[in-house]
C-alpha atoms as a PDB file:
ATOM      1  CA  MET A   1      78.687 -15.333 -45.586  1.00  0.00           C
ATOM      2  CA  PRO A   2      77.917 -16.281 -41.964  1.00  0.00           C
ATOM      3  CA  THR A   3      75.484 -19.160 -41.510  1.00  0.00           C
ATOM      4  CA  TYR A   4      72.624 -18.902 -39.059  1.00  0.00           C
ATOM      5  CA  ARG A   5      72.510 -21.565 -36.356  1.00  0.00           C
ATOM      6  CA  PRO A   6      69.439 -21.828 -34.140  1.00  0.00           C
ATOM      7  CA  GLY A   7      69.960 -21.544 -30.408  1.00  0.00           C
ATOM      8  CA  PRO A   8      69.122 -24.207 -27.836  1.00  0.00           C
ATOM      9  CA  VAL A   9      65.698 -22.678 -27.091  1.00  0.00           C
ATOM     10  CA  SER A  10      64.745 -22.776 -30.759  1.00  0.00           C
ATOM     11  CA  LEU A  11      65.910 -26.381 -31.057  1.00  0.00           C
ATOM     12  CA  ILE A  12      63.904 -27.415 -27.985  1.00  0.00           C
ATOM     13  CA  LEU A  13      60.774 -25.695 -29.297  1.00  0.00           C
ATOM     14  CA  ALA A  14      61.241 -27.302 -32.701  1.00  0.00           C
ATOM     15  CA  VAL A  15      61.592 -30.755 -31.130  1.00  0.00           C
ATOM     16  CA  LEU A  16      58.488 -30.217 -28.988  1.00  0.00           C
ATOM     17  CA  VAL A  17      56.443 -29.107 -32.002  1.00  0.00           C
ATOM     18  CA  ALA A  18      57.677 -32.087 -34.023  1.00  0.00           C
ATOM     19  CA  LEU A  19      56.769 -34.496 -31.214  1.00  0.00           C
ATOM     20  CA  PHE A  20      53.317 -32.926 -30.899  1.00  0.00           C
ATOM     21  CA  LEU A  21      52.719 -33.374 -34.633  1.00  0.00           C
ATOM     22  CA  LEU A  22      54.049 -36.940 -34.589  1.00  0.00           C
ATOM     23  CA  MET A  23      52.112 -38.124 -31.547  1.00  0.00           C
ATOM     24  CA  PRO A  24      49.144 -39.493 -33.572  1.00  0.00           C
ATOM     25  CA  LEU A  25      51.572 -41.484 -35.721  1.00  0.00           C
ATOM     26  CA  LEU A  26      53.608 -42.709 -32.764  1.00  0.00           C
ATOM     27  CA  ALA A  27      50.437 -43.819 -30.959  1.00  0.00           C
ATOM     28  CA  VAL A  28      49.776 -46.324 -33.742  1.00  0.00           C
ATOM     29  CA  ILE A  29      52.894 -48.321 -32.828  1.00  0.00           C
ATOM     30  CA  PRO A  30      51.738 -49.604 -29.401  1.00  0.00           C
ATOM     31  CA  VAL A  31      48.216 -50.134 -30.724  1.00  0.00           C
ATOM     32  CA  SER A  32      49.604 -52.448 -33.403  1.00  0.00           C
ATOM     33  CA  LEU A  33      51.230 -54.565 -30.656  1.00  0.00           C
ATOM     34  CA  THR A  34      48.081 -55.144 -28.640  1.00  0.00           C
ATOM     35  CA  PRO A  35      47.090 -58.797 -28.051  1.00  0.00           C
ATOM     36  CA  SER A  36      43.425 -57.818 -28.067  1.00  0.00           C
ATOM     37  CA  ARG A  37      41.112 -58.348 -31.012  1.00  0.00           C
ATOM     38  CA  MET A  38      39.955 -54.752 -30.671  1.00  0.00           C
ATOM     39  CA  LEU A  39      41.761 -51.529 -31.513  1.00  0.00           C
ATOM     40  CA  THR A  40      43.045 -50.666 -28.017  1.00  0.00           C
ATOM     41  CA  MET A  41      46.248 -49.797 -26.217  1.00  0.00           C
ATOM     42  CA  PRO A  42      48.081 -52.823 -24.797  1.00  0.00           C
ATOM     43  CA  THR A  43      47.673 -53.109 -21.040  1.00  0.00           C
ATOM     44  CA  GLY A  44      50.273 -55.770 -20.342  1.00  0.00           C
ATOM     45  CA  GLU A  45      51.984 -58.120 -22.757  1.00  0.00           C
ATOM     46  CA  LEU A  46      52.770 -57.254 -26.347  1.00  0.00           C
ATOM     47  CA  SER A  47      51.940 -59.382 -29.352  1.00  0.00           C
ATOM     48  CA  LEU A  48      52.804 -59.594 -33.036  1.00  0.00           C
ATOM     49  CA  ARG A  49      49.597 -61.464 -33.917  1.00  0.00           C
ATOM     50  CA  HIS A  50      48.281 -58.612 -36.050  1.00  0.00           C
ATOM     51  CA  TYR A  51      51.499 -58.463 -38.067  1.00  0.00           C
ATOM     52  CA  ARG A  52      51.197 -62.205 -38.641  1.00  0.00           C
ATOM     53  CA  SER A  53      47.622 -61.764 -39.789  1.00  0.00           C
ATOM     54  CA  LEU A  54      48.831 -59.461 -42.546  1.00  0.00           C
ATOM     55  CA  ILE A  55      50.876 -62.376 -43.900  1.00  0.00           C
ATOM     56  CA  GLU A  56      48.456 -65.203 -43.167  1.00  0.00           C
ATOM     57  CA  ASP A  57      45.278 -63.478 -44.381  1.00  0.00           C
ATOM     58  CA  PRO A  58      45.329 -63.537 -48.211  1.00  0.00           C
ATOM     59  CA  ARG A  59      42.958 -60.578 -48.408  1.00  0.00           C
ATOM     60  CA  TRP A  60      45.671 -58.141 -47.356  1.00  0.00           C
ATOM     61  CA  LEU A  61      48.212 -59.380 -49.890  1.00  0.00           C
ATOM     62  CA  ASP A  62      45.595 -59.450 -52.663  1.00  0.00           C
ATOM     63  CA  SER A  63      44.490 -55.908 -51.907  1.00  0.00           C
ATOM     64  CA  ILE A  64      48.091 -54.648 -51.810  1.00  0.00           C
ATOM     65  CA  LEU A  65      48.886 -56.247 -55.180  1.00  0.00           C
ATOM     66  CA  LEU A  66      45.659 -54.880 -56.644  1.00  0.00           C
ATOM     67  CA  SER A  67      46.402 -51.375 -55.379  1.00  0.00           C
ATOM     68  CA  LEU A  68      49.902 -51.587 -56.837  1.00  0.00           C
ATOM     69  CA  ARG A  69      48.538 -52.699 -60.210  1.00  0.00           C
ATOM     70  CA  ILE A  70      45.900 -49.993 -60.257  1.00  0.00           C
ATOM     71  CA  GLY A  71      48.385 -47.365 -59.107  1.00  0.00           C
ATOM     72  CA  VAL A  72      50.932 -48.218 -61.800  1.00  0.00           C
ATOM     73  CA  VAL A  73      48.373 -48.308 -64.619  1.00  0.00           C
ATOM     74  CA  SER A  74      46.668 -45.143 -63.383  1.00  0.00           C
ATOM     75  CA  SER A  75      50.003 -43.363 -63.033  1.00  0.00           C
ATOM     76  CA  ILE A  76      51.094 -44.280 -66.560  1.00  0.00           C
ATOM     77  CA  LEU A  77      47.749 -43.284 -68.051  1.00  0.00           C
ATOM     78  CA  SER A  78      47.423 -39.986 -66.196  1.00  0.00           C
ATOM     79  CA  THR A  79      51.047 -38.996 -66.840  1.00  0.00           C
ATOM     80  CA  ALA A  80      50.701 -39.783 -70.557  1.00  0.00           C
ATOM     81  CA  LEU A  81      47.491 -37.751 -70.835  1.00  0.00           C
ATOM     82  CA  ALA A  82      48.889 -34.842 -68.824  1.00  0.00           C
ATOM     83  CA  LEU A  83      52.129 -34.829 -70.796  1.00  0.00           C
ATOM     84  CA  THR A  84      50.329 -34.901 -74.146  1.00  0.00           C
ATOM     85  CA  PHE A  85      48.025 -32.059 -73.160  1.00  0.00           C
ATOM     86  CA  SER A  86      50.787 -29.951 -71.617  1.00  0.00           C
ATOM     87  CA  LEU A  87      53.097 -30.348 -74.605  1.00  0.00           C
ATOM     88  CA  GLY A  88      50.304 -29.426 -76.992  1.00  0.00           C
ATOM     89  CA  VAL A  89      49.378 -26.314 -75.036  1.00  0.00           C
ATOM     90  CA  TRP A  90      52.994 -25.238 -74.590  1.00  0.00           C
ATOM     91  CA  MET A  91      54.140 -25.882 -78.147  1.00  0.00           C
ATOM     92  CA  PHE A  92      51.151 -24.622 -80.135  1.00  0.00           C
ATOM     93  CA  GLN A  93      49.738 -21.999 -77.722  1.00  0.00           C
ATOM     94  CA  PRO A  94      46.092 -22.198 -78.828  1.00  0.00           C
ATOM     95  CA  ARG A  95      43.835 -19.201 -78.464  1.00  0.00           C
ATOM     96  CA  PHE A  96      41.778 -20.651 -75.624  1.00  0.00           C
ATOM     97  CA  THR A  97      44.673 -21.984 -73.571  1.00  0.00           C
ATOM     98  CA  ALA A  98      43.294 -20.723 -70.253  1.00  0.00           C
ATOM     99  CA  ALA A  99      39.900 -22.295 -70.920  1.00  0.00           C
ATOM    100  CA  LEU A 100      41.482 -25.614 -71.905  1.00  0.00           C
ATOM    101  CA  VAL A 101      43.667 -25.704 -68.795  1.00  0.00           C
ATOM    102  CA  GLY A 102      40.689 -24.821 -66.623  1.00  0.00           C
ATOM    103  CA  PHE A 103      38.676 -27.653 -68.172  1.00  0.00           C
ATOM    104  CA  VAL A 104      41.440 -30.174 -67.474  1.00  0.00           C
ATOM    105  CA  LEU A 105      41.733 -28.965 -63.877  1.00  0.00           C
ATOM    106  CA  LEU A 106      37.999 -29.340 -63.184  1.00  0.00           C
ATOM    107  CA  PRO A 107      38.325 -32.671 -61.296  1.00  0.00           C
ATOM    108  CA  MET A 108      40.644 -30.897 -58.871  1.00  0.00           C
ATOM    109  CA  VAL A 109      38.009 -28.334 -57.835  1.00  0.00           C
ATOM    110  CA  VAL A 110      34.804 -30.353 -58.226  1.00  0.00           C
ATOM    111  CA  PRO A 111      33.695 -31.997 -54.943  1.00  0.00           C
ATOM    112  CA  PRO A 112      34.873 -35.622 -54.833  1.00  0.00           C
ATOM    113  CA  VAL A 113      31.329 -36.868 -54.249  1.00  0.00           C
ATOM    114  CA  VAL A 114      30.177 -35.299 -57.508  1.00  0.00           C
ATOM    115  CA  SER A 115      33.066 -36.883 -59.392  1.00  0.00           C
ATOM    116  CA  ALA A 116      32.403 -40.237 -57.718  1.00  0.00           C
ATOM    117  CA  VAL A 117      28.724 -40.248 -58.670  1.00  0.00           C
ATOM    118  CA  THR A 118      29.558 -39.245 -62.249  1.00  0.00           C
ATOM    119  CA  LEU A 119      32.163 -41.989 -62.574  1.00  0.00           C
ATOM    120  CA  TYR A 120      29.748 -44.487 -61.031  1.00  0.00           C
ATOM    121  CA  PHE A 121      27.110 -43.871 -63.710  1.00  0.00           C
ATOM    122  CA  LEU A 122      29.782 -43.898 -66.424  1.00  0.00           C
ATOM    123  CA  LEU A 123      31.281 -47.222 -65.361  1.00  0.00           C
ATOM    124  CA  THR A 124      27.904 -48.883 -64.817  1.00  0.00           C
ATOM    125  CA  SER A 125      26.947 -47.854 -68.355  1.00  0.00           C
ATOM    126  CA  VAL A 126      30.199 -49.292 -69.691  1.00  0.00           C
ATOM    127  CA  SER A 127      29.570 -52.520 -67.774  1.00  0.00           C
ATOM    128  CA  GLY A 128      26.509 -53.078 -69.941  1.00  0.00           C
ATOM    129  CA  LEU A 129      28.805 -53.330 -72.972  1.00  0.00           C
ATOM    130  CA  THR A 130      31.676 -55.365 -71.521  1.00  0.00           C
ATOM    131  CA  SER A 131      32.490 -57.000 -68.190  1.00  0.00           C
ATOM    132  CA  PHE A 132      36.227 -56.555 -68.679  1.00  0.00           C
ATOM    133  CA  PHE A 133      36.159 -52.802 -68.215  1.00  0.00           C
ATOM    134  CA  GLY A 134      33.522 -51.101 -66.111  1.00  0.00           C
ATOM    135  CA  TYR A 135      32.022 -51.076 -62.625  1.00  0.00           C
ATOM    136  CA  ASP A 136      33.874 -53.113 -59.982  1.00  0.00           C
ATOM    137  CA  THR A 137      36.772 -53.989 -62.296  1.00  0.00           C
ATOM    138  CA  TRP A 138      40.384 -53.076 -61.691  1.00  0.00           C
ATOM    139  CA  LEU A 139      40.668 -51.418 -65.107  1.00  0.00           C
ATOM    140  CA  GLY A 140      37.613 -49.320 -64.361  1.00  0.00           C
ATOM    141  CA  VAL A 141      39.120 -48.266 -61.050  1.00  0.00           C
ATOM    142  CA  ALA A 142      42.414 -47.396 -62.763  1.00  0.00           C
ATOM    143  CA  MET A 143      40.567 -45.248 -65.290  1.00  0.00           C
ATOM    144  CA  ALA A 144      38.600 -43.481 -62.573  1.00  0.00           C
ATOM    145  CA  HIS A 145      41.768 -42.830 -60.575  1.00  0.00           C
ATOM    146  CA  SER A 146      43.488 -41.416 -63.657  1.00  0.00           C
ATOM    147  CA  VAL A 147      40.612 -38.992 -64.131  1.00  0.00           C
ATOM    148  CA  MET A 148      41.180 -37.737 -60.592  1.00  0.00           C
ATOM    149  CA  THR A 149      44.975 -37.541 -60.863  1.00  0.00           C
ATOM    150  CA  VAL A 150      45.386 -36.019 -64.345  1.00  0.00           C
ATOM    151  CA  PRO A 151      44.906 -32.432 -63.041  1.00  0.00           C
ATOM    152  CA  PHE A 152      47.732 -32.803 -60.506  1.00  0.00           C
ATOM    153  CA  ALA A 153      50.072 -34.303 -63.090  1.00  0.00           C
ATOM    154  CA  THR A 154      49.159 -31.530 -65.529  1.00  0.00           C
ATOM    155  CA  VAL A 155      50.012 -28.820 -63.005  1.00  0.00           C
ATOM    156  CA  LEU A 156      53.443 -30.321 -62.314  1.00  0.00           C
ATOM    157  CA  ILE A 157      54.306 -30.725 -65.987  1.00  0.00           C
ATOM    158  CA  LEU A 158      53.061 -27.229 -66.864  1.00  0.00           C
ATOM    159  CA  VAL A 159      55.224 -25.801 -64.082  1.00  0.00           C
ATOM    160  CA  SER A 160      58.248 -27.644 -65.493  1.00  0.00           C
ATOM    161  CA  LEU A 161      57.474 -26.344 -68.987  1.00  0.00           C
ATOM    162  CA  SER A 162      57.112 -22.781 -67.704  1.00  0.00           C
ATOM    163  CA  GLN A 163      60.757 -22.924 -66.541  1.00  0.00           C
ATOM    164  CA  LEU A 164      61.992 -24.135 -69.941  1.00  0.00           C
ATOM    165  CA  ASP A 165      63.475 -21.607 -72.359  1.00  0.00           C
ATOM    166  CA  ARG A 166      61.212 -21.518 -75.398  1.00  0.00           C
ATOM    167  CA  ARG A 167      64.154 -20.595 -77.621  1.00  0.00           C
ATOM    168  CA  ILE A 168      65.323 -24.208 -77.397  1.00  0.00           C
ATOM    169  CA  ASP A 169      62.158 -25.351 -79.109  1.00  0.00           C
ATOM    170  CA  LEU A 170      62.353 -22.526 -81.645  1.00  0.00           C
ATOM    171  CA  ALA A 171      65.928 -23.481 -82.510  1.00  0.00           C
ATOM    172  CA  ALA A 172      64.945 -27.120 -83.056  1.00  0.00           C
ATOM    173  CA  ARG A 173      62.036 -25.991 -85.189  1.00  0.00           C
ATOM    174  CA  GLY A 174      64.320 -23.742 -87.251  1.00  0.00           C
ATOM    175  CA  LEU A 175      66.662 -26.663 -87.877  1.00  0.00           C
ATOM    176  CA  GLY A 176      63.816 -28.641 -89.394  1.00  0.00           C
ATOM    177  CA  ALA A 177      62.878 -30.923 -86.499  1.00  0.00           C
ATOM    178  CA  SER A 178      59.387 -32.377 -86.665  1.00  0.00           C
ATOM    179  CA  VAL A 179      56.830 -31.970 -83.894  1.00  0.00           C
ATOM    180  CA  TRP A 180      57.553 -35.491 -82.641  1.00  0.00           C
ATOM    181  CA  GLU A 181      61.309 -34.902 -82.598  1.00  0.00           C
ATOM    182  CA  ARG A 182      60.922 -31.571 -80.832  1.00  0.00           C
ATOM    183  CA  ALA A 183      58.724 -33.140 -78.188  1.00  0.00           C
ATOM    184  CA  THR A 184      60.709 -36.322 -77.576  1.00  0.00           C
ATOM    185  CA  ARG A 185      64.306 -35.211 -78.189  1.00  0.00           C
ATOM    186  CA  VAL A 186      64.296 -31.571 -77.112  1.00  0.00           C
ATOM    187  CA  ILE A 187      61.493 -30.786 -74.670  1.00  0.00           C
ATOM    188  CA  MET A 188      60.901 -33.999 -72.730  1.00  0.00           C
ATOM    189  CA  PRO A 189      64.561 -34.585 -71.763  1.00  0.00           C
ATOM    190  CA  ASN A 190      64.613 -31.103 -70.239  1.00  0.00           C
ATOM    191  CA  ILE A 191      61.493 -31.678 -68.126  1.00  0.00           C
ATOM    192  CA  LYS A 192      62.137 -35.299 -67.146  1.00  0.00           C
ATOM    193  CA  PHE A 193      62.185 -34.405 -63.444  1.00  0.00           C
ATOM    194  CA  GLY A 194      58.700 -32.903 -63.730  1.00  0.00           C
ATOM    195  CA  ILE A 195      57.470 -35.978 -65.606  1.00  0.00           C
ATOM    196  CA  VAL A 196      58.852 -38.363 -62.990  1.00  0.00           C
ATOM    197  CA  THR A 197      57.388 -36.240 -60.186  1.00  0.00           C
ATOM    198  CA  ALA A 198      53.989 -36.223 -61.895  1.00  0.00           C
ATOM    199  CA  ALA A 199      54.093 -40.007 -62.248  1.00  0.00           C
ATOM    200  CA  LEU A 200      55.046 -40.514 -58.598  1.00  0.00           C
ATOM    201  CA  LEU A 201      52.361 -38.122 -57.371  1.00  0.00           C
ATOM    202  CA  SER A 202      49.751 -39.836 -59.548  1.00  0.00           C
ATOM    203  CA  PHE A 203      50.737 -43.201 -58.103  1.00  0.00           C
ATOM    204  CA  VAL A 204      50.545 -41.939 -54.520  1.00  0.00           C
ATOM    205  CA  LEU A 205      47.143 -40.315 -55.090  1.00  0.00           C
ATOM    206  CA  SER A 206      45.830 -43.502 -56.682  1.00  0.00           C
ATOM    207  CA  TRP A 207      47.300 -45.631 -53.891  1.00  0.00           C
ATOM    208  CA  GLU A 208      45.442 -43.696 -51.167  1.00  0.00           C
ATOM    209  CA  GLU A 209      42.196 -42.934 -53.060  1.00  0.00           C
ATOM    210  CA  ILE A 210      39.128 -44.066 -51.139  1.00  0.00           C
ATOM    211  CA  GLY A 211      36.219 -41.676 -51.826  1.00  0.00           C
ATOM    212  CA  VAL A 212      35.750 -42.500 -55.499  1.00  0.00           C
ATOM    213  CA  THR A 213      36.725 -46.146 -54.957  1.00  0.00           C
ATOM    214  CA  LEU A 214      33.833 -46.683 -52.553  1.00  0.00           C
ATOM    215  CA  PHE A 215      31.370 -45.661 -55.281  1.00  0.00           C
ATOM    216  CA  ILE A 216      32.797 -47.693 -58.168  1.00  0.00           C
ATOM    217  CA  THR A 217      33.684 -50.983 -56.437  1.00  0.00           C
ATOM    218  CA  SER A 218      31.678 -53.649 -54.699  1.00  0.00           C
ATOM    219  CA  VAL A 219      33.144 -57.114 -54.039  1.00  0.00           C
ATOM    220  CA  ASN A 220      35.691 -57.784 -56.781  1.00  0.00           C
ATOM    221  CA  ALA A 221      38.051 -54.782 -56.874  1.00  0.00           C
ATOM    222  CA  ILE A 222      38.926 -54.427 -53.182  1.00  0.00           C
ATOM    223  CA  THR A 223      41.871 -52.042 -52.973  1.00  0.00           C
ATOM    224  CA  LEU A 224      43.983 -51.622 -49.855  1.00  0.00           C
ATOM    225  CA  PRO A 225      42.314 -48.344 -48.715  1.00  0.00           C
ATOM    226  CA  ARG A 226      38.880 -49.921 -49.216  1.00  0.00           C
ATOM    227  CA  LEU A 227      39.861 -53.004 -47.218  1.00  0.00           C
ATOM    228  CA  MET A 228      41.173 -50.790 -44.421  1.00  0.00           C
ATOM    229  CA  TRP A 229      37.929 -48.801 -44.493  1.00  0.00           C
ATOM    230  CA  MET A 230      35.909 -52.012 -44.314  1.00  0.00           C
ATOM    231  CA  GLY A 231      37.981 -53.142 -41.334  1.00  0.00           C
ATOM    232  CA  LEU A 232      37.361 -49.863 -39.512  1.00  0.00           C
ATOM    233  CA  ARG A 233      33.655 -49.868 -40.301  1.00  0.00           C
ATOM    234  CA  ASP A 234      32.906 -53.504 -39.470  1.00  0.00           C
ATOM    235  CA  ASN A 235      35.054 -54.601 -36.524  1.00  0.00           C
ATOM    236  CA  ILE A 236      37.959 -52.134 -36.125  1.00  0.00           C
ATOM    237  CA  ASP A 237      40.612 -54.699 -36.988  1.00  0.00           C
ATOM    238  CA  PRO A 238      43.949 -53.930 -35.214  1.00  0.00           C
ATOM    239  CA  ALA A 239      45.722 -55.292 -38.295  1.00  0.00           C
ATOM    240  CA  ILE A 240      45.045 -51.864 -39.779  1.00  0.00           C
ATOM    241  CA  ALA A 241      47.335 -50.366 -37.131  1.00  0.00           C
ATOM    242  CA  ALA A 242      50.033 -52.913 -37.977  1.00  0.00           C
ATOM    243  CA  LEU A 243      49.743 -52.088 -41.667  1.00  0.00           C
ATOM    244  CA  SER A 244      49.910 -48.373 -40.830  1.00  0.00           C
ATOM    245  CA  VAL A 245      53.166 -48.904 -38.942  1.00  0.00           C
ATOM    246  CA  ILE A 246      54.651 -50.739 -41.930  1.00  0.00           C
ATOM    247  CA  LEU A 247      53.615 -47.943 -44.284  1.00  0.00           C
ATOM    248  CA  ILE A 248      55.090 -45.337 -41.931  1.00  0.00           C
ATOM    249  CA  ILE A 249      58.402 -47.235 -41.816  1.00  0.00           C
ATOM    250  CA  ILE A 250      58.490 -47.492 -45.611  1.00  0.00           C
ATOM    251  CA  THR A 251      57.793 -43.764 -45.926  1.00  0.00           C
ATOM    252  CA  VAL A 252      60.541 -42.874 -43.439  1.00  0.00           C
ATOM    253  CA  LEU A 253      63.035 -45.116 -45.248  1.00  0.00           C
ATOM    254  CA  VAL A 254      62.186 -43.516 -48.578  1.00  0.00           C
ATOM    255  CA  LEU A 255      62.640 -40.030 -47.124  1.00  0.00           C
ATOM    256  CA  ILE A 256      65.976 -41.013 -45.565  1.00  0.00           C
ATOM    257  CA  ALA A 257      67.166 -42.523 -48.853  1.00  0.00           C
ATOM    258  CA  ARG A 258      66.112 -39.400 -50.726  1.00  0.00           C
ATOM    259  CA  SER A 259      67.939 -37.192 -48.210  1.00  0.00           C
ATOM    260  CA  VAL A 260      71.111 -39.272 -48.513  1.00  0.00           C
ATOM    261  CA  ILE A 261      71.018 -39.224 -52.312  1.00  0.00           C
ATOM    262  CA  THR A 262      70.410 -35.462 -52.355  1.00  0.00           C
ATOM    263  CA  ARG A 263      73.311 -34.887 -49.956  1.00  0.00           C
ATOM    264  CA  GLN A 264      75.641 -37.051 -52.035  1.00  0.00           C
ATOM    265  CA  ARG A 265      74.719 -35.173 -55.202  1.00  0.00           C
ATOM    266  CA  GLY A 266      75.323 -31.890 -53.431  1.00  0.00           C
ATOM    267  CA  ALA A 267      78.719 -33.069 -52.242  1.00  0.00           C
ATOM    268  CA  LYS A 268      79.717 -34.123 -55.774  1.00  0.00           C
ATOM    269  CA  ALA A 269      78.567 -30.799 -57.186  1.00  0.00           C
END
């Protein structure tokens, strides 16, 4: 079967479109090297002062560690809830499956402001009972993030389950396997890619969440997106541009590593 190879005109157009789409990202690089205290393009010399500030200022490291902690806990919680719900719906097929799925997916369609206000009143009410879990606590933020990410994890796991042959589960059931054994030894190993993808997506969504976080935090639980937002609102700190460059580099390295691993697996197959 002949393979299609794009011509030189198509390649040039593709490169031009890619450069046009990447220009906002590429513009961050020189901004991060400005010696000025404001967010401006460098006019003469270049400086790494804003990269040093990311290391010297403890607020940045604290916010990164807090966002990582919240993201991991939120990812585990949301993936566990989504997996439990999806397995129950897929295995038992209740009468009101569509209504149950629609209820779980509500946070995905409800405006974020409505969800943020609802979570704000919920966490402030919980704060009256305990200071360990509630408003402006990292556990409260993790819970709120899991509420927002459960629908996305549920969709991914349900899609993985829809591609699984139900006869596998029926065979395990006919051989006398319990519900727990069917779920953990038969179904979950066959949808592990969907589970891992749901966990990664939940972590990424929690890592970049800012709308809900602004409502449910104040001075204690300062996540990385909130600190960046504060820097843009108060004094437009160029350290935000330096941090953006670092995040872009990490993302590109992850994509390159994924591409290399995928190519190696394809070559072995």
